[in-house]
N, C-alpha and C. Protein backbone atom coordinates (compact mmCIF):
# COMPACT_ATOMS: atom_id res chain seq x y z
N UNK A 1 169.28 123.10 16.70
CA UNK A 1 170.63 122.76 17.10
C UNK A 1 171.18 121.79 16.06
N UNK A 2 172.33 122.11 15.53
CA UNK A 2 172.97 121.26 14.54
C UNK A 2 173.65 120.08 15.21
N UNK A 3 173.75 118.99 14.49
CA UNK A 3 174.43 117.81 15.00
C UNK A 3 175.82 117.77 14.39
N UNK A 4 176.83 117.64 15.22
CA UNK A 4 178.19 117.56 14.71
C UNK A 4 178.47 116.13 14.29
N UNK A 5 179.07 115.98 13.14
CA UNK A 5 179.45 114.65 12.69
C UNK A 5 180.96 114.51 12.60
N UNK A 6 181.65 115.63 12.44
CA UNK A 6 183.11 115.57 12.49
C UNK A 6 183.63 116.93 12.94
N UNK A 7 184.94 117.02 13.09
CA UNK A 7 185.53 118.20 13.69
C UNK A 7 185.34 119.45 12.83
N UNK A 8 185.09 119.33 11.55
CA UNK A 8 184.93 120.51 10.71
C UNK A 8 183.60 121.20 10.95
N UNK A 9 182.64 120.51 11.51
CA UNK A 9 181.34 121.09 11.85
C UNK A 9 181.44 121.60 13.28
N UNK A 10 181.54 122.91 13.46
CA UNK A 10 181.84 123.50 14.77
C UNK A 10 180.61 123.93 15.55
N UNK A 11 179.42 123.71 15.06
CA UNK A 11 178.23 124.10 15.79
C UNK A 11 178.02 123.18 16.98
N UNK A 12 177.28 123.66 17.95
CA UNK A 12 177.01 122.86 19.14
C UNK A 12 176.26 121.59 18.76
N UNK A 13 176.80 120.45 19.13
CA UNK A 13 176.14 119.18 18.78
C UNK A 13 174.96 118.89 19.69
N UNK A 14 174.18 117.92 19.30
CA UNK A 14 173.10 117.44 20.16
C UNK A 14 173.72 116.90 21.44
N UNK A 15 173.12 117.24 22.55
CA UNK A 15 173.65 116.78 23.84
C UNK A 15 173.30 115.32 24.07
N UNK A 16 174.28 114.53 24.51
CA UNK A 16 173.96 113.15 24.89
C UNK A 16 173.02 113.15 26.09
N UNK A 17 172.39 112.03 26.31
CA UNK A 17 171.55 111.85 27.49
C UNK A 17 172.43 112.06 28.73
N UNK A 18 172.05 112.94 29.67
CA UNK A 18 172.87 113.12 30.87
C UNK A 18 173.05 111.80 31.63
N UNK A 19 174.25 111.57 32.09
CA UNK A 19 174.54 110.36 32.86
C UNK A 19 174.42 110.71 34.34
N UNK A 20 173.25 110.45 34.89
CA UNK A 20 173.02 110.77 36.30
C UNK A 20 173.01 109.52 37.18
N UNK A 21 173.56 108.42 36.64
CA UNK A 21 173.63 107.18 37.41
C UNK A 21 174.69 107.31 38.51
N UNK A 22 174.47 106.64 39.60
CA UNK A 22 175.48 106.56 40.66
C UNK A 22 176.32 105.33 40.36
N UNK A 23 177.51 105.56 39.81
CA UNK A 23 178.38 104.47 39.36
C UNK A 23 179.19 103.85 40.49
N UNK A 24 178.95 104.24 41.75
CA UNK A 24 179.75 103.69 42.85
C UNK A 24 179.55 102.18 43.01
N UNK A 25 178.51 101.62 42.42
CA UNK A 25 178.29 100.18 42.49
C UNK A 25 179.46 99.40 41.87
N UNK A 26 180.24 100.05 41.01
CA UNK A 26 181.37 99.34 40.38
C UNK A 26 182.44 98.95 41.38
N UNK A 27 182.35 99.49 42.59
CA UNK A 27 183.28 99.10 43.65
C UNK A 27 182.90 97.75 44.26
N UNK A 28 181.65 97.34 44.04
CA UNK A 28 181.15 96.10 44.64
C UNK A 28 181.04 94.93 43.69
N UNK A 29 180.95 95.20 42.40
CA UNK A 29 180.81 94.11 41.42
C UNK A 29 181.38 94.54 40.07
N UNK A 30 181.67 93.56 39.26
CA UNK A 30 182.24 93.84 37.93
C UNK A 30 181.22 94.56 37.06
N UNK A 31 181.71 95.42 36.21
CA UNK A 31 180.86 96.14 35.26
C UNK A 31 180.45 95.17 34.15
N UNK A 32 179.15 95.01 33.90
CA UNK A 32 178.72 94.09 32.86
C UNK A 32 179.06 94.57 31.44
N UNK A 33 179.34 95.84 31.28
CA UNK A 33 179.68 96.36 29.95
C UNK A 33 181.17 96.22 29.65
N UNK A 34 182.02 96.85 30.47
CA UNK A 34 183.46 96.83 30.17
C UNK A 34 184.16 95.63 30.81
N UNK A 35 183.52 94.98 31.78
CA UNK A 35 184.07 93.78 32.40
C UNK A 35 185.02 94.01 33.56
N UNK A 36 185.37 95.25 33.89
CA UNK A 36 186.33 95.51 34.94
C UNK A 36 185.73 95.26 36.32
N UNK A 37 186.47 94.55 37.16
CA UNK A 37 186.13 94.37 38.57
C UNK A 37 186.99 95.36 39.35
N UNK A 38 186.58 96.62 39.35
CA UNK A 38 187.38 97.70 39.93
C UNK A 38 187.66 97.48 41.41
N UNK A 39 186.71 96.90 42.13
CA UNK A 39 186.87 96.68 43.56
C UNK A 39 187.97 95.69 43.90
N UNK A 40 188.48 94.98 42.93
CA UNK A 40 189.54 94.00 43.16
C UNK A 40 190.94 94.59 42.97
N UNK A 41 191.02 95.84 42.54
CA UNK A 41 192.33 96.45 42.29
C UNK A 41 192.97 96.84 43.62
N UNK A 42 194.15 96.30 43.88
CA UNK A 42 194.89 96.59 45.12
C UNK A 42 195.52 97.97 45.03
N UNK A 43 195.74 98.61 46.17
CA UNK A 43 196.37 99.93 46.17
C UNK A 43 197.68 99.97 45.37
N UNK A 44 198.51 98.98 45.54
CA UNK A 44 199.82 98.96 44.86
C UNK A 44 199.69 98.87 43.34
N UNK A 45 198.52 98.47 42.85
CA UNK A 45 198.31 98.31 41.40
C UNK A 45 197.62 99.51 40.74
N UNK A 46 197.21 100.49 41.53
CA UNK A 46 196.44 101.60 40.96
C UNK A 46 197.25 102.45 39.98
N UNK A 47 198.45 102.83 40.33
CA UNK A 47 199.24 103.68 39.42
C UNK A 47 199.46 102.99 38.08
N UNK A 48 199.78 101.71 38.10
CA UNK A 48 199.97 100.97 36.85
C UNK A 48 198.68 100.85 36.07
N UNK A 49 197.56 100.66 36.76
CA UNK A 49 196.27 100.54 36.08
C UNK A 49 195.88 101.87 35.42
N UNK A 50 196.17 102.97 36.10
CA UNK A 50 195.90 104.29 35.53
C UNK A 50 196.74 104.49 34.27
N UNK A 51 198.02 104.19 34.36
CA UNK A 51 198.91 104.35 33.21
C UNK A 51 198.45 103.48 32.04
N UNK A 52 198.11 102.24 32.33
CA UNK A 52 197.68 101.32 31.27
C UNK A 52 196.38 101.77 30.62
N UNK A 53 195.45 102.31 31.40
CA UNK A 53 194.14 102.71 30.87
C UNK A 53 194.18 104.04 30.14
N UNK A 54 195.23 104.82 30.32
CA UNK A 54 195.32 106.11 29.62
C UNK A 54 196.24 106.05 28.41
N UNK A 55 197.11 105.08 28.36
CA UNK A 55 198.07 104.97 27.26
C UNK A 55 197.43 104.87 25.87
N UNK A 56 196.34 104.13 25.68
CA UNK A 56 195.77 103.98 24.33
C UNK A 56 195.22 105.27 23.72
N UNK A 57 195.03 106.31 24.51
CA UNK A 57 194.38 107.51 23.99
C UNK A 57 195.17 108.22 22.91
N UNK A 58 196.49 108.15 22.90
CA UNK A 58 197.27 108.78 21.83
C UNK A 58 196.87 108.18 20.48
N UNK A 59 196.76 106.87 20.41
CA UNK A 59 196.36 106.20 19.16
C UNK A 59 194.90 106.47 18.83
N UNK A 60 194.05 106.47 19.84
CA UNK A 60 192.62 106.73 19.60
C UNK A 60 192.43 108.12 19.01
N UNK A 61 193.13 109.10 19.58
CA UNK A 61 192.97 110.48 19.11
C UNK A 61 193.67 110.72 17.78
N UNK A 62 194.53 109.81 17.37
CA UNK A 62 195.20 109.92 16.07
C UNK A 62 194.36 109.31 14.94
N UNK A 63 193.28 108.65 15.27
CA UNK A 63 192.42 108.07 14.25
C UNK A 63 191.89 109.17 13.33
N UNK A 64 191.80 108.90 12.04
CA UNK A 64 191.28 109.94 11.13
C UNK A 64 189.83 110.33 11.44
N UNK A 65 189.09 109.43 12.07
CA UNK A 65 187.69 109.72 12.38
C UNK A 65 187.48 110.05 13.86
N UNK A 66 188.52 110.48 14.55
CA UNK A 66 188.43 110.73 15.99
C UNK A 66 187.35 111.76 16.35
N UNK A 67 187.09 112.70 15.47
CA UNK A 67 186.10 113.74 15.76
C UNK A 67 184.69 113.36 15.30
N UNK A 68 184.54 112.19 14.72
CA UNK A 68 183.23 111.76 14.20
C UNK A 68 182.44 111.05 15.29
N UNK A 69 181.22 111.50 15.47
CA UNK A 69 180.31 110.84 16.41
C UNK A 69 179.72 109.59 15.76
N UNK A 70 179.63 108.48 16.49
CA UNK A 70 179.03 107.28 15.93
C UNK A 70 177.51 107.40 15.80
N UNK A 71 176.92 108.29 16.58
CA UNK A 71 175.49 108.59 16.54
C UNK A 71 175.33 110.03 17.02
N UNK A 72 174.25 110.70 16.63
CA UNK A 72 174.12 112.11 16.97
C UNK A 72 174.26 112.45 18.46
N UNK A 73 173.80 111.58 19.33
CA UNK A 73 173.86 111.88 20.77
C UNK A 73 174.89 111.03 21.51
N UNK A 74 175.91 110.57 20.80
CA UNK A 74 176.99 109.78 21.40
C UNK A 74 178.30 110.50 21.14
N UNK A 75 179.06 110.73 22.18
CA UNK A 75 180.33 111.43 22.04
C UNK A 75 181.24 110.74 21.03
N UNK A 76 182.02 111.55 20.36
CA UNK A 76 183.07 111.05 19.48
C UNK A 76 184.27 110.63 20.34
N UNK A 77 185.21 109.88 19.78
CA UNK A 77 186.43 109.58 20.53
C UNK A 77 187.14 110.86 20.99
N UNK A 78 187.11 111.92 20.19
CA UNK A 78 187.70 113.19 20.61
C UNK A 78 187.02 113.72 21.87
N UNK A 79 185.71 113.70 21.91
CA UNK A 79 184.98 114.18 23.09
C UNK A 79 185.28 113.32 24.31
N UNK A 80 185.34 112.00 24.11
CA UNK A 80 185.72 111.12 25.22
C UNK A 80 187.15 111.42 25.66
N UNK A 81 188.05 111.69 24.72
CA UNK A 81 189.42 112.03 25.07
C UNK A 81 189.51 113.29 25.90
N UNK A 82 188.72 114.30 25.55
CA UNK A 82 188.67 115.52 26.36
C UNK A 82 188.17 115.21 27.76
N UNK A 83 187.15 114.36 27.83
CA UNK A 83 186.60 113.97 29.13
C UNK A 83 187.66 113.24 29.96
N UNK A 84 188.38 112.31 29.36
CA UNK A 84 189.41 111.57 30.09
C UNK A 84 190.51 112.52 30.56
N UNK A 85 190.92 113.46 29.73
CA UNK A 85 191.89 114.47 30.14
C UNK A 85 191.41 115.20 31.40
N UNK A 86 190.13 115.62 31.38
CA UNK A 86 189.57 116.34 32.51
C UNK A 86 189.38 115.44 33.72
N UNK A 87 189.02 114.18 33.50
CA UNK A 87 188.93 113.22 34.61
C UNK A 87 190.29 113.11 35.30
N UNK A 88 191.35 113.00 34.52
CA UNK A 88 192.69 112.90 35.11
C UNK A 88 193.01 114.14 35.94
N UNK A 89 192.66 115.29 35.45
CA UNK A 89 192.90 116.53 36.19
C UNK A 89 192.07 116.59 37.47
N UNK A 90 190.79 116.29 37.37
CA UNK A 90 189.89 116.33 38.53
C UNK A 90 190.33 115.33 39.59
N UNK A 91 190.66 114.11 39.18
CA UNK A 91 191.02 113.08 40.15
C UNK A 91 192.40 113.31 40.75
N UNK A 92 193.28 113.99 40.04
CA UNK A 92 194.55 114.39 40.66
C UNK A 92 194.26 115.37 41.78
N UNK A 93 193.40 116.34 41.51
CA UNK A 93 193.02 117.33 42.53
C UNK A 93 192.35 116.65 43.73
N UNK A 94 191.47 115.70 43.47
CA UNK A 94 190.77 115.01 44.55
C UNK A 94 191.72 114.13 45.37
N UNK A 95 192.61 113.44 44.70
CA UNK A 95 193.58 112.61 45.43
C UNK A 95 194.49 113.48 46.28
N UNK A 96 194.94 114.60 45.74
CA UNK A 96 195.79 115.52 46.51
C UNK A 96 195.03 116.06 47.71
N UNK A 97 193.75 116.37 47.52
CA UNK A 97 192.94 116.87 48.64
C UNK A 97 192.85 115.83 49.75
N UNK A 98 192.64 114.58 49.40
CA UNK A 98 192.58 113.52 50.41
C UNK A 98 193.91 113.41 51.14
N UNK A 99 195.00 113.54 50.41
CA UNK A 99 196.32 113.43 51.04
C UNK A 99 196.65 114.64 51.91
N UNK A 100 196.16 115.81 51.53
CA UNK A 100 196.56 117.06 52.19
C UNK A 100 195.57 117.59 53.22
N UNK A 101 194.33 117.13 53.18
CA UNK A 101 193.28 117.65 54.06
C UNK A 101 192.63 116.50 54.82
N UNK A 102 191.91 116.85 55.88
CA UNK A 102 191.15 115.86 56.62
C UNK A 102 189.73 115.82 56.08
N UNK A 103 189.35 114.67 55.52
CA UNK A 103 188.01 114.42 55.01
C UNK A 103 187.49 115.56 54.12
N UNK A 104 188.18 115.84 53.01
CA UNK A 104 187.74 116.95 52.15
C UNK A 104 186.41 116.66 51.46
N UNK A 105 185.69 117.73 51.17
CA UNK A 105 184.48 117.66 50.36
C UNK A 105 184.85 118.14 48.97
N UNK A 106 184.67 117.28 47.97
CA UNK A 106 185.03 117.62 46.61
C UNK A 106 183.98 118.54 45.99
N UNK A 107 184.44 119.52 45.26
CA UNK A 107 183.53 120.39 44.52
C UNK A 107 182.78 119.55 43.48
N UNK A 108 181.55 119.91 43.21
CA UNK A 108 180.77 119.22 42.21
C UNK A 108 181.41 119.43 40.83
N UNK A 109 181.39 118.39 40.01
CA UNK A 109 181.86 118.50 38.64
C UNK A 109 180.76 117.99 37.73
N UNK A 110 180.24 118.88 36.90
CA UNK A 110 179.21 118.52 35.94
C UNK A 110 179.91 118.22 34.62
N UNK A 111 180.09 116.95 34.33
CA UNK A 111 180.83 116.56 33.13
C UNK A 111 180.13 116.99 31.85
N UNK A 112 178.82 117.02 31.85
CA UNK A 112 178.09 117.42 30.65
C UNK A 112 178.28 118.92 30.40
N UNK A 113 178.24 119.71 31.46
CA UNK A 113 178.47 121.15 31.31
C UNK A 113 179.91 121.40 30.85
N UNK A 114 180.85 120.65 31.41
CA UNK A 114 182.25 120.80 31.00
C UNK A 114 182.42 120.52 29.51
N UNK A 115 181.71 119.52 29.00
CA UNK A 115 181.80 119.19 27.58
C UNK A 115 181.29 120.34 26.72
N UNK A 116 180.22 120.97 27.15
CA UNK A 116 179.67 122.08 26.38
C UNK A 116 180.52 123.34 26.50
N UNK A 117 180.85 123.73 27.72
CA UNK A 117 181.63 124.96 27.88
C UNK A 117 183.04 124.80 27.34
N UNK A 118 183.58 123.58 27.40
CA UNK A 118 184.91 123.33 26.87
C UNK A 118 184.92 123.04 25.38
N UNK A 119 183.73 123.01 24.76
CA UNK A 119 183.60 122.74 23.33
C UNK A 119 184.45 121.53 22.93
N UNK A 120 184.24 120.43 23.62
CA UNK A 120 185.02 119.23 23.38
C UNK A 120 185.07 118.85 21.91
N UNK A 121 183.95 118.96 21.22
CA UNK A 121 183.84 118.54 19.82
C UNK A 121 184.73 119.36 18.89
N UNK A 122 185.14 120.56 19.32
CA UNK A 122 185.89 121.45 18.44
C UNK A 122 187.37 121.51 18.78
N UNK A 123 187.81 120.71 19.73
CA UNK A 123 189.22 120.76 20.12
C UNK A 123 190.09 119.98 19.14
N UNK A 124 191.36 120.31 19.15
CA UNK A 124 192.35 119.68 18.28
C UNK A 124 192.78 118.35 18.90
N UNK A 125 192.57 117.23 18.22
CA UNK A 125 192.92 115.93 18.78
C UNK A 125 194.40 115.81 19.16
N UNK A 126 195.28 116.45 18.41
CA UNK A 126 196.71 116.38 18.72
C UNK A 126 197.00 117.09 20.05
N UNK A 127 196.40 118.25 20.24
CA UNK A 127 196.57 118.99 21.49
C UNK A 127 195.96 118.21 22.65
N UNK A 128 194.77 117.67 22.43
CA UNK A 128 194.10 116.89 23.48
C UNK A 128 194.96 115.69 23.87
N UNK A 129 195.55 115.01 22.89
CA UNK A 129 196.39 113.84 23.18
C UNK A 129 197.57 114.24 24.07
N UNK A 130 198.21 115.36 23.77
CA UNK A 130 199.33 115.82 24.59
C UNK A 130 198.90 116.22 25.98
N UNK A 131 197.79 116.96 26.07
CA UNK A 131 197.28 117.38 27.38
C UNK A 131 196.83 116.19 28.22
N UNK A 132 196.20 115.22 27.55
CA UNK A 132 195.75 114.01 28.25
C UNK A 132 196.95 113.24 28.78
N UNK A 133 197.97 113.08 27.97
CA UNK A 133 199.17 112.35 28.41
C UNK A 133 199.82 113.03 29.61
N UNK A 134 199.89 114.35 29.59
CA UNK A 134 200.49 115.09 30.72
C UNK A 134 199.63 114.95 31.97
N UNK A 135 198.31 115.06 31.83
CA UNK A 135 197.42 114.92 32.97
C UNK A 135 197.46 113.50 33.53
N UNK A 136 197.52 112.52 32.65
CA UNK A 136 197.59 111.12 33.08
C UNK A 136 198.90 110.85 33.81
N UNK A 137 199.97 111.43 33.35
CA UNK A 137 201.27 111.25 34.02
C UNK A 137 201.24 111.85 35.43
N UNK A 138 200.67 113.04 35.59
CA UNK A 138 200.55 113.65 36.93
C UNK A 138 199.69 112.77 37.84
N UNK A 139 198.59 112.25 37.30
CA UNK A 139 197.71 111.39 38.09
C UNK A 139 198.42 110.10 38.47
N UNK A 140 199.10 109.49 37.53
CA UNK A 140 199.85 108.26 37.80
C UNK A 140 200.90 108.51 38.87
N UNK A 141 201.63 109.60 38.76
CA UNK A 141 202.65 109.93 39.75
C UNK A 141 202.05 110.17 41.12
N UNK A 142 200.89 110.82 41.15
CA UNK A 142 200.21 111.05 42.44
C UNK A 142 199.90 109.73 43.11
N UNK A 143 199.35 108.78 42.37
CA UNK A 143 199.01 107.48 42.96
C UNK A 143 200.25 106.64 43.25
N UNK A 144 201.29 106.77 42.47
CA UNK A 144 202.52 106.02 42.73
C UNK A 144 203.22 106.48 44.00
N UNK A 145 202.99 107.72 44.40
CA UNK A 145 203.68 108.29 45.56
C UNK A 145 202.86 108.23 46.85
N UNK A 146 201.71 107.57 46.84
CA UNK A 146 200.89 107.51 48.06
C UNK A 146 201.60 106.68 49.12
N UNK A 147 201.78 107.24 50.31
CA UNK A 147 202.39 106.46 51.39
C UNK A 147 201.47 105.32 51.83
N UNK A 148 202.06 104.22 52.28
CA UNK A 148 201.27 103.04 52.67
C UNK A 148 200.13 103.36 53.63
N UNK A 149 200.35 104.22 54.60
CA UNK A 149 199.33 104.49 55.60
C UNK A 149 198.23 105.44 55.17
N UNK A 150 198.26 105.90 53.94
CA UNK A 150 197.30 106.92 53.49
C UNK A 150 196.13 106.38 52.68
N UNK A 151 196.14 105.11 52.35
CA UNK A 151 195.12 104.58 51.44
C UNK A 151 193.70 104.65 51.99
N UNK A 152 193.54 104.64 53.28
CA UNK A 152 192.19 104.65 53.86
C UNK A 152 191.73 106.06 54.26
N UNK A 153 192.51 107.09 53.92
CA UNK A 153 192.09 108.47 54.19
C UNK A 153 190.81 108.75 53.39
N UNK A 154 189.80 109.41 54.00
CA UNK A 154 188.53 109.62 53.32
C UNK A 154 188.42 110.97 52.60
N UNK A 155 187.47 111.00 51.68
CA UNK A 155 187.03 112.21 51.01
C UNK A 155 185.61 112.01 50.55
N UNK A 156 184.88 113.09 50.32
CA UNK A 156 183.45 112.98 49.98
C UNK A 156 183.13 113.77 48.72
N UNK A 157 182.28 113.17 47.89
CA UNK A 157 181.73 113.90 46.75
C UNK A 157 180.59 114.78 47.22
N UNK A 158 180.22 115.75 46.41
CA UNK A 158 179.15 116.67 46.77
C UNK A 158 177.80 115.97 46.94
N UNK A 159 177.64 114.78 46.36
CA UNK A 159 176.38 114.03 46.51
C UNK A 159 176.37 113.17 47.77
N UNK A 160 177.44 113.23 48.56
CA UNK A 160 177.51 112.48 49.81
C UNK A 160 178.25 111.17 49.72
N UNK A 161 178.62 110.72 48.52
CA UNK A 161 179.38 109.47 48.39
C UNK A 161 180.73 109.62 49.09
N UNK A 162 181.04 108.66 49.94
CA UNK A 162 182.31 108.68 50.68
C UNK A 162 183.27 107.70 50.02
N UNK A 163 184.48 108.18 49.80
CA UNK A 163 185.55 107.37 49.22
C UNK A 163 186.74 107.39 50.15
N UNK A 164 187.56 106.36 50.04
CA UNK A 164 188.92 106.43 50.58
C UNK A 164 189.81 106.70 49.37
N UNK A 165 191.06 107.01 49.62
CA UNK A 165 191.96 107.20 48.49
C UNK A 165 192.01 105.94 47.64
N UNK A 166 191.95 104.79 48.29
CA UNK A 166 191.95 103.50 47.58
C UNK A 166 190.69 103.36 46.71
N UNK A 167 189.50 103.54 47.30
CA UNK A 167 188.28 103.34 46.52
C UNK A 167 188.10 104.43 45.46
N UNK A 168 188.60 105.64 45.72
CA UNK A 168 188.57 106.69 44.70
C UNK A 168 189.39 106.25 43.49
N UNK A 169 190.54 105.66 43.75
CA UNK A 169 191.38 105.15 42.66
C UNK A 169 190.71 104.02 41.90
N UNK A 170 190.05 103.12 42.61
CA UNK A 170 189.34 102.03 41.94
C UNK A 170 188.22 102.57 41.05
N UNK A 171 187.45 103.50 41.59
CA UNK A 171 186.36 104.14 40.86
C UNK A 171 186.90 104.84 39.62
N UNK A 172 188.01 105.55 39.78
CA UNK A 172 188.67 106.23 38.68
C UNK A 172 189.10 105.26 37.59
N UNK A 173 189.74 104.18 37.96
CA UNK A 173 190.22 103.22 36.96
C UNK A 173 189.03 102.66 36.18
N UNK A 174 187.91 102.41 36.86
CA UNK A 174 186.74 101.95 36.11
C UNK A 174 186.33 102.99 35.07
N UNK A 175 186.31 104.26 35.45
CA UNK A 175 185.92 105.31 34.49
C UNK A 175 186.85 105.29 33.28
N UNK A 176 188.14 105.19 33.53
CA UNK A 176 189.12 105.17 32.44
C UNK A 176 188.93 103.97 31.53
N UNK A 177 188.78 102.80 32.12
CA UNK A 177 188.62 101.56 31.34
C UNK A 177 187.28 101.56 30.61
N UNK A 178 186.23 102.01 31.29
CA UNK A 178 184.91 102.00 30.67
C UNK A 178 184.87 102.88 29.42
N UNK A 179 185.55 104.01 29.46
CA UNK A 179 185.53 104.88 28.29
C UNK A 179 186.38 104.32 27.15
N UNK A 180 187.37 103.50 27.45
CA UNK A 180 188.04 102.77 26.36
C UNK A 180 187.04 101.82 25.70
N UNK A 181 186.23 101.17 26.52
CA UNK A 181 185.18 100.29 26.00
C UNK A 181 184.19 101.10 25.16
N UNK A 182 183.85 102.31 25.62
CA UNK A 182 182.90 103.16 24.88
C UNK A 182 183.39 103.47 23.46
N UNK A 183 184.71 103.66 23.31
CA UNK A 183 185.25 103.98 21.98
C UNK A 183 185.79 102.73 21.29
N UNK A 184 185.53 101.58 21.89
CA UNK A 184 185.91 100.28 21.33
C UNK A 184 187.41 100.16 21.08
N UNK A 185 188.17 100.62 22.08
CA UNK A 185 189.64 100.52 21.98
C UNK A 185 190.12 99.22 22.59
């Protein structure tokens, strides 16, 4: 298997170590890496936090080295950008499900499989930046339009983790902020 070092090398890169950690602990304490105390984010602040955490990606994806991996098994900023675009799409779907259904069960999402099948390393950073901005705007609008009485509506991940719309948003914001930290933005 070839290792991709930049976007011109289109072969399948070495796969990063799968992230099988249960990150729900970020709802209870600050992340020691990125520093975010996601559990302290109030419902009224979620839409703004989402917008703020997704805004830097246009500049990140415009970097001349956006497709370059810092190490063979570490995603490039482009790959992280594709992931953030997909996170915005997935979490919009999950938030809508919580708003529209009673206690929905979210379909499993294998982010590592998505990276491979979506060929994240080979995507065009300009296209990804536009798609990410559009997905982030839909997600921000979804959270900005949540009625006051809906924040405690529940939903469940396929692994059994239970979220409310509020805690799902907090968890989401941590993911967005943490990946900015990953690319040192």
